N, C-alpha and C. Protein backbone atom coordinates (compact mmCIF):
# COMPACT_ATOMS: atom_id res chain seq x y z
N MET A 1 0.83 -1.20 0.00
CA MET A 1 0.00 0.00 0.00
C MET A 1 0.86 1.25 0.00
N GLY A 2 1.95 1.22 0.83
CA GLY A 2 2.82 2.38 0.90
C GLY A 2 2.21 3.49 1.70
N THR A 3 3.05 4.36 2.26
CA THR A 3 2.56 5.53 2.99
C THR A 3 2.91 6.75 2.18
N ASN A 4 2.01 7.71 2.17
CA ASN A 4 2.19 8.87 1.32
C ASN A 4 2.66 10.10 2.09
N GLN A 5 2.78 10.01 3.39
CA GLN A 5 3.17 11.17 4.17
C GLN A 5 4.66 11.43 4.00
N SER A 6 5.06 12.70 4.05
CA SER A 6 6.46 13.07 3.86
C SER A 6 7.31 12.59 5.02
N ARG A 7 6.75 12.53 6.20
CA ARG A 7 7.49 12.07 7.36
C ARG A 7 6.77 10.88 7.97
N ILE A 8 7.47 9.75 8.05
CA ILE A 8 6.86 8.52 8.53
C ILE A 8 7.23 8.27 9.98
N THR A 9 6.25 7.93 10.78
CA THR A 9 6.48 7.57 12.18
C THR A 9 6.21 6.08 12.35
N ALA A 10 7.24 5.36 12.76
CA ALA A 10 7.14 3.91 12.94
C ALA A 10 7.11 3.57 14.43
N VAL A 11 6.36 2.53 14.76
CA VAL A 11 6.35 2.01 16.13
C VAL A 11 7.25 0.78 16.16
N ALA A 12 8.27 0.83 17.01
CA ALA A 12 9.15 -0.32 17.21
C ALA A 12 8.57 -1.14 18.37
N TYR A 13 7.87 -2.21 18.02
CA TYR A 13 7.21 -3.02 19.06
C TYR A 13 8.16 -4.13 19.51
N CYS A 14 8.53 -4.07 20.79
CA CYS A 14 9.46 -5.03 21.38
C CYS A 14 8.72 -5.83 22.45
N ARG A 15 8.85 -7.16 22.40
CA ARG A 15 8.13 -7.98 23.37
C ARG A 15 8.95 -9.18 23.81
N VAL A 16 8.86 -9.49 25.10
CA VAL A 16 9.34 -10.77 25.64
C VAL A 16 8.22 -11.37 26.46
N SER A 17 8.19 -12.69 26.56
CA SER A 17 7.18 -13.33 27.38
C SER A 17 7.60 -13.25 28.84
N THR A 18 6.68 -13.57 29.73
CA THR A 18 6.96 -13.47 31.17
C THR A 18 8.01 -14.48 31.61
N THR A 19 8.16 -15.58 30.87
CA THR A 19 9.12 -16.62 31.26
C THR A 19 10.34 -16.68 30.35
N GLU A 20 10.38 -15.84 29.34
CA GLU A 20 11.45 -15.90 28.35
C GLU A 20 12.76 -15.36 28.91
N GLN A 21 13.83 -16.10 28.68
CA GLN A 21 15.14 -15.66 29.13
C GLN A 21 15.67 -14.61 28.17
N GLU A 22 16.38 -13.66 28.69
CA GLU A 22 16.92 -12.59 27.85
C GLU A 22 18.22 -13.04 27.20
N VAL A 23 18.07 -13.94 26.23
CA VAL A 23 19.22 -14.41 25.48
C VAL A 23 19.36 -13.56 24.23
N SER A 24 20.43 -13.79 23.51
CA SER A 24 20.71 -12.99 22.33
C SER A 24 19.54 -13.03 21.36
N GLY A 25 19.10 -11.87 20.91
CA GLY A 25 18.00 -11.79 19.97
C GLY A 25 16.63 -11.78 20.62
N HIS A 26 16.57 -11.97 21.94
CA HIS A 26 15.29 -12.01 22.62
C HIS A 26 15.07 -10.80 23.52
N SER A 27 16.14 -10.24 24.08
CA SER A 27 15.96 -9.19 25.07
C SER A 27 15.34 -7.95 24.46
N LEU A 28 14.67 -7.20 25.31
CA LEU A 28 14.04 -5.95 24.86
C LEU A 28 15.07 -4.98 24.33
N ASP A 29 16.23 -4.91 24.98
CA ASP A 29 17.29 -4.00 24.52
C ASP A 29 17.77 -4.37 23.12
N ASP A 30 17.98 -5.67 22.89
CA ASP A 30 18.44 -6.12 21.57
C ASP A 30 17.41 -5.79 20.49
N GLN A 31 16.15 -6.03 20.81
CA GLN A 31 15.09 -5.75 19.85
C GLN A 31 15.02 -4.25 19.53
N GLU A 32 15.10 -3.44 20.58
CA GLU A 32 15.03 -1.99 20.37
C GLU A 32 16.17 -1.49 19.50
N THR A 33 17.39 -2.00 19.77
CA THR A 33 18.55 -1.56 18.99
C THR A 33 18.37 -1.90 17.51
N THR A 34 17.93 -3.14 17.24
CA THR A 34 17.73 -3.57 15.86
C THR A 34 16.70 -2.70 15.14
N LEU A 35 15.61 -2.42 15.81
CA LEU A 35 14.53 -1.65 15.18
C LEU A 35 14.88 -0.17 15.04
N ARG A 36 15.60 0.38 16.01
CA ARG A 36 16.05 1.78 15.88
C ARG A 36 16.98 1.93 14.69
N ASP A 37 17.89 0.97 14.53
CA ASP A 37 18.82 1.02 13.39
C ASP A 37 18.06 0.93 12.07
N LEU A 38 17.06 0.06 12.05
CA LEU A 38 16.26 -0.10 10.84
C LEU A 38 15.51 1.18 10.50
N ALA A 39 14.89 1.79 11.51
CA ALA A 39 14.15 3.03 11.29
C ALA A 39 15.08 4.14 10.81
N ALA A 40 16.28 4.20 11.40
CA ALA A 40 17.24 5.24 11.01
C ALA A 40 17.67 5.06 9.56
N SER A 41 17.82 3.79 9.13
CA SER A 41 18.24 3.53 7.75
C SER A 41 17.17 3.93 6.75
N ARG A 42 15.92 3.99 7.20
CA ARG A 42 14.82 4.38 6.33
C ARG A 42 14.45 5.85 6.47
N GLY A 43 15.06 6.51 7.44
CA GLY A 43 14.73 7.91 7.67
C GLY A 43 13.40 8.10 8.37
N TRP A 44 12.99 7.09 9.14
CA TRP A 44 11.72 7.15 9.85
C TRP A 44 11.90 7.69 11.26
N ASP A 45 10.94 8.44 11.73
CA ASP A 45 10.86 8.73 13.16
C ASP A 45 10.40 7.44 13.84
N VAL A 46 10.80 7.25 15.08
CA VAL A 46 10.47 5.99 15.74
C VAL A 46 9.97 6.20 17.16
N VAL A 47 8.95 5.47 17.52
CA VAL A 47 8.43 5.43 18.89
C VAL A 47 8.59 3.98 19.36
N VAL A 48 9.29 3.80 20.48
CA VAL A 48 9.55 2.45 20.99
C VAL A 48 8.49 2.06 22.01
N VAL A 49 7.93 0.88 21.83
CA VAL A 49 6.96 0.33 22.79
C VAL A 49 7.48 -1.02 23.25
N ARG A 50 7.61 -1.17 24.58
CA ARG A 50 8.09 -2.43 25.16
C ARG A 50 6.95 -3.10 25.93
N GLU A 51 6.79 -4.39 25.70
CA GLU A 51 5.72 -5.11 26.40
C GLU A 51 6.22 -6.48 26.85
N VAL A 52 5.79 -6.87 28.04
CA VAL A 52 6.08 -8.20 28.57
C VAL A 52 4.77 -8.97 28.63
N GLY A 53 4.70 -10.08 27.91
CA GLY A 53 3.46 -10.85 27.89
C GLY A 53 3.51 -11.96 26.88
N SER A 54 2.52 -12.84 26.93
CA SER A 54 2.45 -14.00 26.05
C SER A 54 2.22 -13.58 24.60
N GLY A 55 2.74 -14.40 23.67
CA GLY A 55 2.53 -14.15 22.26
C GLY A 55 1.37 -14.92 21.68
N LYS A 56 0.58 -15.58 22.53
CA LYS A 56 -0.51 -16.43 22.03
C LYS A 56 -1.69 -15.64 21.49
N SER A 57 -1.95 -14.47 22.09
CA SER A 57 -3.14 -13.72 21.69
C SER A 57 -2.81 -12.25 21.51
N LEU A 58 -3.25 -11.69 20.39
CA LEU A 58 -3.05 -10.26 20.15
C LEU A 58 -3.87 -9.42 21.11
N THR A 59 -5.07 -9.88 21.42
CA THR A 59 -5.98 -9.09 22.25
C THR A 59 -5.59 -9.08 23.72
N ALA A 60 -4.70 -9.98 24.12
CA ALA A 60 -4.31 -10.07 25.53
C ALA A 60 -3.18 -9.11 25.88
N ARG A 61 -2.75 -8.29 24.91
CA ARG A 61 -1.64 -7.37 25.15
C ARG A 61 -2.12 -5.93 25.02
N PRO A 62 -2.31 -5.26 26.14
CA PRO A 62 -2.89 -3.90 26.11
C PRO A 62 -2.05 -2.89 25.35
N LEU A 63 -0.73 -2.97 25.45
CA LEU A 63 0.10 -1.97 24.75
C LEU A 63 0.01 -2.15 23.23
N LEU A 64 0.02 -3.39 22.78
CA LEU A 64 -0.12 -3.63 21.34
C LEU A 64 -1.50 -3.18 20.85
N THR A 65 -2.51 -3.41 21.65
CA THR A 65 -3.86 -2.96 21.30
C THR A 65 -3.89 -1.45 21.13
N GLU A 66 -3.21 -0.74 22.03
CA GLU A 66 -3.15 0.72 21.95
C GLU A 66 -2.38 1.17 20.71
N VAL A 67 -1.29 0.46 20.40
CA VAL A 67 -0.50 0.77 19.21
C VAL A 67 -1.35 0.61 17.95
N LEU A 68 -2.11 -0.47 17.88
CA LEU A 68 -2.95 -0.73 16.70
C LEU A 68 -3.99 0.36 16.52
N ARG A 69 -4.53 0.86 17.62
CA ARG A 69 -5.48 1.97 17.52
C ARG A 69 -4.80 3.21 16.95
N GLY A 70 -3.56 3.46 17.39
CA GLY A 70 -2.82 4.60 16.87
C GLY A 70 -2.52 4.47 15.39
N LEU A 71 -2.21 3.24 14.95
CA LEU A 71 -1.98 3.00 13.53
C LEU A 71 -3.26 3.19 12.72
N ASP A 72 -4.36 2.65 13.24
CA ASP A 72 -5.64 2.78 12.53
C ASP A 72 -6.07 4.23 12.38
N SER A 73 -5.75 5.05 13.38
CA SER A 73 -6.18 6.45 13.37
C SER A 73 -5.20 7.37 12.64
N GLY A 74 -4.05 6.82 12.20
CA GLY A 74 -3.09 7.61 11.45
C GLY A 74 -2.04 8.31 12.29
N VAL A 75 -2.02 8.07 13.60
CA VAL A 75 -0.98 8.66 14.46
C VAL A 75 0.38 8.08 14.09
N PHE A 76 0.41 6.77 13.80
CA PHE A 76 1.62 6.09 13.34
C PHE A 76 1.38 5.54 11.94
N ASN A 77 2.48 5.24 11.24
CA ASN A 77 2.37 4.78 9.85
C ASN A 77 2.89 3.37 9.62
N VAL A 78 3.80 2.92 10.48
CA VAL A 78 4.44 1.61 10.29
C VAL A 78 4.54 0.89 11.63
N LEU A 79 4.28 -0.41 11.62
CA LEU A 79 4.49 -1.26 12.79
C LEU A 79 5.68 -2.16 12.51
N MET A 80 6.70 -2.07 13.37
CA MET A 80 7.92 -2.86 13.18
C MET A 80 8.08 -3.88 14.30
N ALA A 81 8.64 -5.05 13.95
CA ALA A 81 9.01 -6.06 14.94
C ALA A 81 10.23 -6.81 14.40
N VAL A 82 11.05 -7.34 15.29
CA VAL A 82 12.26 -8.03 14.83
C VAL A 82 11.93 -9.39 14.23
N ARG A 83 10.89 -10.03 14.77
CA ARG A 83 10.49 -11.35 14.27
C ARG A 83 8.97 -11.47 14.30
N LEU A 84 8.47 -12.39 13.50
CA LEU A 84 7.03 -12.62 13.42
C LEU A 84 6.45 -12.99 14.78
N ASP A 85 7.16 -13.84 15.54
CA ASP A 85 6.61 -14.30 16.81
C ASP A 85 6.58 -13.22 17.88
N ARG A 86 7.21 -12.08 17.63
CA ARG A 86 7.08 -10.96 18.58
C ARG A 86 5.68 -10.35 18.48
N LEU A 87 5.06 -10.48 17.31
CA LEU A 87 3.70 -9.99 17.12
C LEU A 87 2.68 -11.08 17.39
N SER A 88 2.91 -12.26 16.81
CA SER A 88 1.97 -13.37 17.00
C SER A 88 2.65 -14.68 16.65
N ARG A 89 2.30 -15.73 17.41
CA ARG A 89 2.81 -17.07 17.10
C ARG A 89 1.88 -17.80 16.14
N SER A 90 0.77 -17.18 15.82
CA SER A 90 -0.22 -17.80 14.92
C SER A 90 -0.15 -17.15 13.54
N VAL A 91 0.08 -17.96 12.51
CA VAL A 91 0.11 -17.44 11.14
C VAL A 91 -1.25 -16.87 10.77
N THR A 92 -2.31 -17.51 11.25
CA THR A 92 -3.66 -17.04 10.95
C THR A 92 -3.91 -15.66 11.56
N ASP A 93 -3.50 -15.48 12.83
CA ASP A 93 -3.66 -14.17 13.47
C ASP A 93 -2.85 -13.11 12.75
N PHE A 94 -1.63 -13.47 12.33
CA PHE A 94 -0.78 -12.51 11.65
C PHE A 94 -1.38 -12.14 10.29
N SER A 95 -1.99 -13.11 9.64
CA SER A 95 -2.67 -12.82 8.37
C SER A 95 -3.78 -11.79 8.59
N GLY A 96 -4.50 -11.94 9.69
CA GLY A 96 -5.54 -10.97 10.02
C GLY A 96 -4.97 -9.59 10.29
N LEU A 97 -3.79 -9.55 10.90
CA LEU A 97 -3.12 -8.28 11.17
C LEU A 97 -2.73 -7.59 9.86
N MET A 98 -2.24 -8.37 8.91
CA MET A 98 -1.88 -7.80 7.61
C MET A 98 -3.11 -7.28 6.88
N ASP A 99 -4.20 -8.01 6.99
CA ASP A 99 -5.44 -7.55 6.36
C ASP A 99 -5.90 -6.23 6.98
N ARG A 100 -5.76 -6.12 8.29
CA ARG A 100 -6.12 -4.88 8.98
C ARG A 100 -5.25 -3.73 8.50
N ALA A 101 -3.94 -3.98 8.37
CA ALA A 101 -3.03 -2.94 7.89
C ALA A 101 -3.42 -2.48 6.49
N ASP A 102 -3.77 -3.43 5.65
CA ASP A 102 -4.15 -3.11 4.28
C ASP A 102 -5.41 -2.26 4.23
N ARG A 103 -6.39 -2.61 5.07
CA ARG A 103 -7.66 -1.89 5.08
C ARG A 103 -7.53 -0.49 5.68
N ARG A 104 -6.65 -0.36 6.68
CA ARG A 104 -6.54 0.92 7.40
C ARG A 104 -5.43 1.82 6.87
N GLY A 105 -4.60 1.30 5.96
CA GLY A 105 -3.62 2.16 5.30
C GLY A 105 -2.31 2.35 6.03
N TRP A 106 -1.87 1.35 6.81
CA TRP A 106 -0.54 1.44 7.42
C TRP A 106 0.28 0.22 7.01
N ASP A 107 1.57 0.27 7.28
CA ASP A 107 2.47 -0.77 6.80
C ASP A 107 3.05 -1.60 7.94
N LEU A 108 3.47 -2.81 7.58
CA LEU A 108 4.10 -3.74 8.51
C LEU A 108 5.53 -4.00 8.07
N HIS A 109 6.42 -4.10 9.05
CA HIS A 109 7.80 -4.46 8.73
C HIS A 109 8.28 -5.47 9.77
N VAL A 110 8.61 -6.68 9.31
CA VAL A 110 9.16 -7.72 10.18
C VAL A 110 10.58 -7.98 9.71
N ALA A 111 11.54 -7.64 10.55
CA ALA A 111 12.94 -7.57 10.13
C ALA A 111 13.49 -8.90 9.62
N ASP A 112 13.27 -10.01 10.36
CA ASP A 112 13.93 -11.26 9.97
C ASP A 112 13.33 -11.87 8.71
N LEU A 113 12.10 -11.53 8.38
CA LEU A 113 11.46 -12.04 7.16
C LEU A 113 11.72 -11.16 5.95
N GLY A 114 12.23 -9.96 6.21
CA GLY A 114 12.36 -9.00 5.12
C GLY A 114 11.01 -8.55 4.63
N LEU A 115 10.03 -8.60 5.53
CA LEU A 115 8.66 -8.24 5.16
C LEU A 115 8.45 -6.75 5.39
N ASP A 116 8.23 -6.03 4.32
CA ASP A 116 7.94 -4.60 4.38
C ASP A 116 6.81 -4.36 3.39
N THR A 117 5.60 -4.19 3.90
CA THR A 117 4.44 -4.12 3.01
C THR A 117 4.36 -2.83 2.20
N SER A 118 5.33 -1.94 2.38
CA SER A 118 5.37 -0.74 1.54
C SER A 118 6.12 -0.99 0.24
N THR A 119 6.72 -2.20 0.09
CA THR A 119 7.48 -2.53 -1.11
C THR A 119 6.83 -3.72 -1.83
N PRO A 120 7.06 -3.85 -3.14
CA PRO A 120 6.49 -4.97 -3.89
C PRO A 120 6.94 -6.33 -3.36
N SER A 121 8.24 -6.47 -3.05
CA SER A 121 8.73 -7.75 -2.53
C SER A 121 8.12 -8.06 -1.17
N GLY A 122 7.95 -7.03 -0.36
CA GLY A 122 7.32 -7.23 0.95
C GLY A 122 5.87 -7.65 0.82
N ARG A 123 5.18 -7.07 -0.15
CA ARG A 123 3.79 -7.45 -0.39
C ARG A 123 3.70 -8.92 -0.82
N LEU A 124 4.70 -9.37 -1.59
CA LEU A 124 4.72 -10.76 -2.03
C LEU A 124 4.86 -11.69 -0.83
N VAL A 125 5.78 -11.35 0.08
CA VAL A 125 5.94 -12.16 1.30
C VAL A 125 4.64 -12.19 2.08
N ALA A 126 3.98 -11.04 2.19
CA ALA A 126 2.72 -10.95 2.92
C ALA A 126 1.66 -11.84 2.28
N GLN A 127 1.62 -11.85 0.94
CA GLN A 127 0.63 -12.67 0.24
C GLN A 127 0.88 -14.16 0.45
N VAL A 128 2.16 -14.55 0.52
CA VAL A 128 2.50 -15.95 0.78
C VAL A 128 2.03 -16.36 2.17
N ILE A 129 2.27 -15.49 3.16
CA ILE A 129 1.83 -15.78 4.52
C ILE A 129 0.32 -15.87 4.59
N ALA A 130 -0.36 -14.95 3.94
CA ALA A 130 -1.83 -14.96 3.94
C ALA A 130 -2.37 -16.22 3.26
N ALA A 131 -1.73 -16.63 2.15
CA ALA A 131 -2.16 -17.84 1.45
C ALA A 131 -1.95 -19.07 2.31
N THR A 132 -0.83 -19.10 3.05
CA THR A 132 -0.56 -20.21 3.96
C THR A 132 -1.62 -20.30 5.04
N ALA A 133 -2.00 -19.16 5.58
CA ALA A 133 -3.03 -19.13 6.63
C ALA A 133 -4.37 -19.60 6.08
N GLU A 134 -4.71 -19.16 4.86
CA GLU A 134 -5.98 -19.58 4.26
C GLU A 134 -5.99 -21.08 3.99
N HIS A 135 -4.85 -21.60 3.52
CA HIS A 135 -4.73 -23.04 3.28
C HIS A 135 -4.91 -23.81 4.58
N GLU A 136 -4.32 -23.30 5.65
CA GLU A 136 -4.44 -23.94 6.97
C GLU A 136 -5.90 -23.96 7.42
N ARG A 137 -6.61 -22.84 7.24
CA ARG A 137 -8.02 -22.78 7.62
C ARG A 137 -8.86 -23.77 6.82
N ARG A 138 -8.57 -23.88 5.51
CA ARG A 138 -9.34 -24.80 4.67
C ARG A 138 -9.08 -26.25 5.05
N LEU A 139 -7.82 -26.58 5.38
CA LEU A 139 -7.51 -27.94 5.79
C LEU A 139 -8.26 -28.32 7.06
N ILE A 140 -8.32 -27.38 8.00
CA ILE A 140 -9.05 -27.62 9.25
C ILE A 140 -10.52 -27.87 8.94
N GLY A 141 -11.08 -27.07 8.02
CA GLY A 141 -12.48 -27.24 7.65
C GLY A 141 -12.74 -28.59 7.00
N VAL A 142 -11.82 -29.02 6.11
CA VAL A 142 -11.97 -30.31 5.44
C VAL A 142 -11.90 -31.44 6.45
N ARG A 143 -10.92 -31.37 7.37
CA ARG A 143 -10.79 -32.43 8.38
C ARG A 143 -12.02 -32.50 9.27
N THR A 144 -12.56 -31.34 9.61
CA THR A 144 -13.75 -31.31 10.46
C THR A 144 -14.93 -31.96 9.75
N ARG A 145 -15.14 -31.59 8.47
CA ARG A 145 -16.26 -32.16 7.72
C ARG A 145 -16.10 -33.67 7.54
N GLU A 146 -14.86 -34.11 7.27
CA GLU A 146 -14.62 -35.55 7.08
C GLU A 146 -14.87 -36.31 8.38
N GLY A 147 -14.46 -35.71 9.50
CA GLY A 147 -14.68 -36.35 10.79
C GLY A 147 -16.15 -36.48 11.12
N LEU A 148 -16.92 -35.44 10.84
CA LEU A 148 -18.37 -35.47 11.10
C LEU A 148 -19.06 -36.49 10.20
N ARG A 149 -18.63 -36.53 8.93
CA ARG A 149 -19.25 -37.48 8.01
C ARG A 149 -18.96 -38.93 8.44
N ALA A 150 -17.71 -39.19 8.84
CA ALA A 150 -17.34 -40.54 9.29
C ALA A 150 -18.13 -40.93 10.53
N ALA A 151 -18.33 -39.97 11.43
CA ALA A 151 -19.09 -40.26 12.65
C ALA A 151 -20.54 -40.59 12.31
N ARG A 152 -21.12 -39.83 11.37
CA ARG A 152 -22.51 -40.10 10.99
C ARG A 152 -22.65 -41.47 10.32
N GLU A 153 -21.65 -41.84 9.49
CA GLU A 153 -21.70 -43.13 8.81
C GLU A 153 -21.62 -44.29 9.80
N LYS A 154 -20.99 -44.06 10.95
CA LYS A 154 -20.90 -45.09 11.99
C LYS A 154 -22.13 -45.10 12.89
N GLY A 155 -23.07 -44.20 12.59
CA GLY A 155 -24.29 -44.17 13.37
C GLY A 155 -24.19 -43.37 14.64
N VAL A 156 -23.13 -42.57 14.77
CA VAL A 156 -22.96 -41.75 15.98
C VAL A 156 -23.83 -40.51 15.86
N ARG A 157 -24.61 -40.26 16.88
CA ARG A 157 -25.42 -39.05 16.91
C ARG A 157 -24.56 -37.91 17.43
N LEU A 158 -24.41 -36.89 16.62
CA LEU A 158 -23.54 -35.78 16.99
C LEU A 158 -24.24 -34.89 18.00
N GLY A 159 -23.45 -34.34 18.88
CA GLY A 159 -24.00 -33.50 19.93
C GLY A 159 -23.75 -34.11 21.29
N ARG A 160 -24.53 -33.70 22.26
CA ARG A 160 -24.34 -34.19 23.62
C ARG A 160 -24.65 -35.68 23.71
N PRO A 161 -23.71 -36.50 24.25
CA PRO A 161 -23.94 -37.94 24.35
C PRO A 161 -25.19 -38.25 25.17
N GLN A 162 -25.91 -39.28 24.70
CA GLN A 162 -27.10 -39.70 25.43
C GLN A 162 -26.74 -40.82 26.40
N SER A 163 -27.53 -40.99 27.42
CA SER A 163 -27.34 -42.09 28.35
C SER A 163 -28.37 -43.17 28.05
N VAL A 164 -28.08 -44.40 28.47
CA VAL A 164 -29.01 -45.51 28.26
C VAL A 164 -30.13 -45.40 29.29
N PRO A 165 -31.38 -45.47 28.85
CA PRO A 165 -32.50 -45.38 29.80
C PRO A 165 -32.41 -46.43 30.90
N THR A 166 -32.92 -46.10 32.07
CA THR A 166 -32.86 -47.00 33.22
C THR A 166 -33.52 -48.34 32.93
N GLU A 167 -34.66 -48.30 32.22
CA GLU A 167 -35.37 -49.56 31.94
C GLU A 167 -34.55 -50.48 31.05
N VAL A 168 -33.77 -49.89 30.12
CA VAL A 168 -32.92 -50.71 29.26
C VAL A 168 -31.79 -51.33 30.09
N ARG A 169 -31.24 -50.56 31.00
CA ARG A 169 -30.20 -51.09 31.90
C ARG A 169 -30.73 -52.29 32.67
N HIS A 170 -31.94 -52.13 33.21
CA HIS A 170 -32.54 -53.22 33.98
C HIS A 170 -32.77 -54.45 33.12
N GLU A 171 -33.21 -54.23 31.87
CA GLU A 171 -33.44 -55.35 30.95
C GLU A 171 -32.14 -56.10 30.68
N VAL A 172 -31.07 -55.35 30.45
CA VAL A 172 -29.77 -55.95 30.15
C VAL A 172 -29.27 -56.74 31.36
N GLN A 173 -29.39 -56.15 32.55
CA GLN A 173 -28.95 -56.83 33.76
C GLN A 173 -29.74 -58.11 33.99
N SER A 174 -31.06 -58.03 33.76
CA SER A 174 -31.92 -59.21 33.95
C SER A 174 -31.57 -60.30 32.95
N ALA A 175 -31.35 -59.90 31.69
CA ALA A 175 -31.01 -60.88 30.66
C ALA A 175 -29.69 -61.58 30.99
N ARG A 176 -28.75 -60.82 31.49
CA ARG A 176 -27.45 -61.39 31.84
C ARG A 176 -27.59 -62.37 33.01
N GLU A 177 -28.39 -61.99 33.99
CA GLU A 177 -28.60 -62.85 35.16
C GLU A 177 -29.31 -64.15 34.77
N ASN A 178 -30.10 -64.09 33.69
CA ASN A 178 -30.81 -65.28 33.20
C ASN A 178 -29.97 -66.12 32.26
N GLY A 179 -28.70 -65.76 32.11
CA GLY A 179 -27.77 -66.60 31.36
C GLY A 179 -27.54 -66.23 29.92
N LEU A 180 -28.12 -65.12 29.43
CA LEU A 180 -27.89 -64.73 28.03
C LEU A 180 -26.45 -64.23 27.87
N SER A 181 -25.86 -64.56 26.75
CA SER A 181 -24.49 -64.10 26.49
C SER A 181 -24.49 -62.62 26.14
N LEU A 182 -23.33 -62.00 26.26
CA LEU A 182 -23.20 -60.59 25.90
C LEU A 182 -23.55 -60.37 24.42
N ARG A 183 -23.13 -61.31 23.57
CA ARG A 183 -23.41 -61.20 22.14
C ARG A 183 -24.91 -61.28 21.87
N ALA A 184 -25.60 -62.18 22.56
CA ALA A 184 -27.04 -62.34 22.36
C ALA A 184 -27.80 -61.09 22.80
N ILE A 185 -27.34 -60.50 23.91
CA ILE A 185 -27.98 -59.27 24.39
C ILE A 185 -27.77 -58.15 23.38
N ALA A 186 -26.54 -58.05 22.84
CA ALA A 186 -26.24 -57.02 21.85
C ALA A 186 -27.11 -57.18 20.61
N GLU A 187 -27.27 -58.43 20.15
CA GLU A 187 -28.09 -58.68 18.96
C GLU A 187 -29.54 -58.28 19.20
N ASP A 188 -30.05 -58.56 20.41
CA ASP A 188 -31.43 -58.19 20.73
C ASP A 188 -31.60 -56.68 20.72
N LEU A 189 -30.65 -55.97 21.31
CA LEU A 189 -30.72 -54.50 21.34
C LEU A 189 -30.66 -53.92 19.93
N ASN A 190 -29.81 -54.51 19.08
CA ASN A 190 -29.70 -54.04 17.70
C ASN A 190 -30.99 -54.29 16.92
N THR A 191 -31.60 -55.45 17.15
CA THR A 191 -32.85 -55.79 16.47
C THR A 191 -33.96 -54.81 16.83
N ARG A 192 -33.96 -54.39 18.08
CA ARG A 192 -35.00 -53.48 18.57
C ARG A 192 -34.68 -52.02 18.26
N GLY A 193 -33.47 -51.76 17.76
CA GLY A 193 -33.10 -50.38 17.42
C GLY A 193 -32.82 -49.51 18.62
N VAL A 194 -32.38 -50.12 19.72
CA VAL A 194 -32.07 -49.34 20.92
C VAL A 194 -30.72 -48.64 20.72
N PRO A 195 -30.65 -47.31 20.87
CA PRO A 195 -29.37 -46.61 20.69
C PRO A 195 -28.40 -46.88 21.83
N THR A 196 -27.12 -46.80 21.54
CA THR A 196 -26.10 -46.96 22.57
C THR A 196 -26.03 -45.70 23.43
N ALA A 197 -25.17 -45.74 24.45
CA ALA A 197 -25.05 -44.60 25.35
C ALA A 197 -24.60 -43.34 24.62
N HIS A 198 -23.85 -43.52 23.51
CA HIS A 198 -23.34 -42.38 22.74
C HIS A 198 -24.17 -42.10 21.50
N GLY A 199 -25.36 -42.71 21.43
CA GLY A 199 -26.25 -42.43 20.31
C GLY A 199 -26.02 -43.26 19.08
N GLY A 200 -25.11 -44.25 19.16
CA GLY A 200 -24.86 -45.11 18.00
C GLY A 200 -25.96 -46.14 17.81
N ARG A 201 -25.94 -46.80 16.64
CA ARG A 201 -26.99 -47.78 16.33
C ARG A 201 -26.51 -49.22 16.51
N GLN A 202 -25.22 -49.41 16.75
CA GLN A 202 -24.67 -50.76 16.77
C GLN A 202 -24.14 -51.13 18.15
N TRP A 203 -24.74 -52.16 18.74
CA TRP A 203 -24.26 -52.71 20.00
C TRP A 203 -23.31 -53.87 19.71
N HIS A 204 -22.31 -54.03 20.57
CA HIS A 204 -21.39 -55.15 20.51
C HIS A 204 -21.31 -55.75 21.91
N ALA A 205 -20.71 -56.93 22.00
CA ALA A 205 -20.55 -57.55 23.31
C ALA A 205 -19.78 -56.63 24.25
N SER A 206 -18.79 -55.92 23.69
CA SER A 206 -17.97 -55.03 24.52
C SER A 206 -18.78 -53.85 25.06
N THR A 207 -19.71 -53.32 24.25
CA THR A 207 -20.50 -52.18 24.73
C THR A 207 -21.52 -52.63 25.77
N VAL A 208 -22.03 -53.87 25.63
CA VAL A 208 -22.92 -54.41 26.66
C VAL A 208 -22.16 -54.59 27.96
N ARG A 209 -20.93 -55.11 27.86
CA ARG A 209 -20.11 -55.28 29.06
C ARG A 209 -19.84 -53.95 29.73
N SER A 210 -19.55 -52.91 28.93
CA SER A 210 -19.29 -51.58 29.50
C SER A 210 -20.52 -51.06 30.23
N LEU A 211 -21.70 -51.32 29.67
CA LEU A 211 -22.94 -50.87 30.31
C LEU A 211 -23.14 -51.58 31.65
N LEU A 212 -22.86 -52.87 31.69
CA LEU A 212 -23.03 -53.63 32.93
C LEU A 212 -22.03 -53.21 34.00
N ASN A 213 -20.85 -52.78 33.55
CA ASN A 213 -19.80 -52.40 34.50
C ASN A 213 -19.87 -50.93 34.91
N ALA A 214 -20.74 -50.17 34.26
CA ALA A 214 -20.82 -48.73 34.53
C ALA A 214 -21.41 -48.46 35.92
């Protein structure tokens, strides 16, 4: 998208987790130095924001939330981070962040990826990340649909598991006490169309045994 203002103000967002050791490339000081040097090389003004917190959720970090509001309102023009995981550990979340930047007219720069959405090559990197996230979402959707279809084919009723009615329990216990085998009891239940405890249509000797032992 690029920024059209004559003077660009970038936010250098530096983050460590609450348990992260300050090793090389992780400390707040190291991150700040890297981003200040980057901003200076571009001729950008820079505002440094330091935050300590988990990288699992964007919404769980108040300082980043405040920075994003400033970017959306035009107070800042570029969001910088040394690595992708300083902003988010989720490719899907980061894809959403890039979409937000595109819609609101600000740029992203992630130093280790060479991602700078104000340049054509940076936009290409962003598109690859977004495509990866979309592919991941579609795979999850396909797996979910396949799992549901397989469950339905096995006769499993989706939703909250049902319990076996008390009268059926008593019938099974009585049949067992009268000498019927587990297999014979299962066949009788199947013939009568009695659902299993989980809503399935097929009883086996093992499921009858589980019912008796419950």
